[in-house]
Amino acid sequence: MNNGIQEEALRALVEGGVVRATLVSRQENKWTLANRAALS
């Protein structure tokens, strides 16, 4: 079972202007995303 956000959902948020920036990091085999929201 996958935990976290799906690629299609993240793509929709980015293309819709909801996400201003995303920081991607990896430690061994664990990936993390930190998303900054584009609040008006």
N, C-alpha and C. Protein backbone atom coordinates (compact mmCIF):
# COMPACT_ATOMS: atom_id res chain seq x y z
N MET A 1 0.85 -1.18 0.00
CA MET A 1 0.00 0.00 0.00
C MET A 1 0.89 1.24 0.00
N ASN A 2 0.58 2.18 -0.88
CA ASN A 2 1.35 3.42 -0.97
C ASN A 2 0.82 4.45 0.01
N ASN A 3 1.73 5.14 0.66
CA ASN A 3 1.37 6.25 1.53
C ASN A 3 1.80 7.53 0.84
N GLY A 4 1.06 8.60 1.08
CA GLY A 4 1.46 9.89 0.52
C GLY A 4 0.65 10.27 -0.70
N ILE A 5 1.11 11.32 -1.34
CA ILE A 5 0.39 11.91 -2.47
C ILE A 5 0.74 11.18 -3.76
N GLN A 6 -0.24 11.00 -4.61
CA GLN A 6 -0.04 10.37 -5.90
C GLN A 6 0.46 11.39 -6.91
N GLU A 7 1.19 10.93 -7.90
CA GLU A 7 1.77 11.82 -8.90
C GLU A 7 0.71 12.68 -9.58
N GLU A 8 -0.41 12.07 -9.94
CA GLU A 8 -1.47 12.81 -10.64
C GLU A 8 -2.03 13.93 -9.76
N ALA A 9 -2.18 13.67 -8.47
CA ALA A 9 -2.70 14.69 -7.55
C ALA A 9 -1.71 15.84 -7.40
N LEU A 10 -0.42 15.51 -7.25
CA LEU A 10 0.60 16.55 -7.13
C LEU A 10 0.68 17.38 -8.40
N ARG A 11 0.62 16.73 -9.54
CA ARG A 11 0.66 17.44 -10.83
C ARG A 11 -0.51 18.42 -10.94
N ALA A 12 -1.70 17.99 -10.54
CA ALA A 12 -2.88 18.87 -10.61
C ALA A 12 -2.71 20.07 -9.69
N LEU A 13 -2.14 19.87 -8.50
CA LEU A 13 -1.91 20.99 -7.58
C LEU A 13 -0.91 21.99 -8.15
N VAL A 14 0.17 21.48 -8.74
CA VAL A 14 1.20 22.35 -9.31
C VAL A 14 0.65 23.11 -10.51
N GLU A 15 0.00 22.39 -11.42
CA GLU A 15 -0.54 23.03 -12.62
C GLU A 15 -1.67 24.00 -12.30
N GLY A 16 -2.38 23.76 -11.20
CA GLY A 16 -3.47 24.65 -10.79
C GLY A 16 -3.00 25.86 -10.00
N GLY A 17 -1.69 25.94 -9.74
CA GLY A 17 -1.15 27.08 -9.03
C GLY A 17 -1.29 27.02 -7.52
N VAL A 18 -1.67 25.86 -6.99
CA VAL A 18 -1.85 25.71 -5.54
C VAL A 18 -0.50 25.57 -4.84
N VAL A 19 0.44 24.90 -5.48
CA VAL A 19 1.77 24.69 -4.91
C VAL A 19 2.74 25.68 -5.53
N ARG A 20 3.39 26.48 -4.68
CA ARG A 20 4.36 27.47 -5.17
C ARG A 20 5.74 26.85 -5.33
N ALA A 21 6.14 25.97 -4.42
CA ALA A 21 7.46 25.36 -4.47
C ALA A 21 7.42 24.00 -3.79
N THR A 22 8.27 23.08 -4.24
CA THR A 22 8.38 21.76 -3.64
C THR A 22 9.85 21.43 -3.45
N LEU A 23 10.20 21.01 -2.24
CA LEU A 23 11.54 20.55 -1.93
C LEU A 23 11.50 19.04 -1.85
N VAL A 24 12.32 18.37 -2.65
CA VAL A 24 12.37 16.92 -2.67
C VAL A 24 13.69 16.48 -2.07
N SER A 25 13.62 15.53 -1.14
CA SER A 25 14.85 15.02 -0.55
C SER A 25 14.76 13.50 -0.42
N ARG A 26 15.94 12.88 -0.32
CA ARG A 26 16.00 11.42 -0.19
C ARG A 26 17.07 11.06 0.81
N GLN A 27 16.73 10.14 1.70
CA GLN A 27 17.69 9.58 2.64
C GLN A 27 17.59 8.07 2.50
N GLU A 28 18.64 7.47 1.93
CA GLU A 28 18.66 6.05 1.56
C GLU A 28 17.49 5.77 0.62
N ASN A 29 16.52 4.96 1.02
CA ASN A 29 15.41 4.64 0.10
C ASN A 29 14.12 5.37 0.46
N LYS A 30 14.18 6.36 1.36
CA LYS A 30 12.99 7.11 1.77
C LYS A 30 13.00 8.50 1.15
N TRP A 31 11.95 8.81 0.39
CA TRP A 31 11.80 10.11 -0.26
C TRP A 31 10.81 10.95 0.53
N THR A 32 11.06 12.26 0.61
CA THR A 32 10.13 13.18 1.25
C THR A 32 9.92 14.40 0.35
N LEU A 33 8.72 14.95 0.42
CA LEU A 33 8.36 16.17 -0.30
C LEU A 33 7.88 17.20 0.70
N ALA A 34 8.36 18.42 0.56
CA ALA A 34 7.87 19.54 1.36
C ALA A 34 7.29 20.54 0.38
N ASN A 35 5.98 20.74 0.46
CA ASN A 35 5.28 21.62 -0.48
C ASN A 35 4.94 22.94 0.17
N ARG A 36 5.18 24.03 -0.54
CA ARG A 36 4.81 25.37 -0.07
C ARG A 36 3.57 25.79 -0.84
N ALA A 37 2.53 26.11 -0.11
CA ALA A 37 1.27 26.51 -0.73
C ALA A 37 1.34 27.94 -1.23
N ALA A 38 0.67 28.20 -2.34
CA ALA A 38 0.59 29.55 -2.91
C ALA A 38 -0.69 30.19 -2.42
N LEU A 39 -0.62 30.80 -1.23
CA LEU A 39 -1.80 31.43 -0.65
C LEU A 39 -1.92 32.86 -1.14
N SER A 40 -3.14 33.26 -1.38
CA SER A 40 -3.39 34.62 -1.87
C SER A 40 -3.54 35.59 -0.73
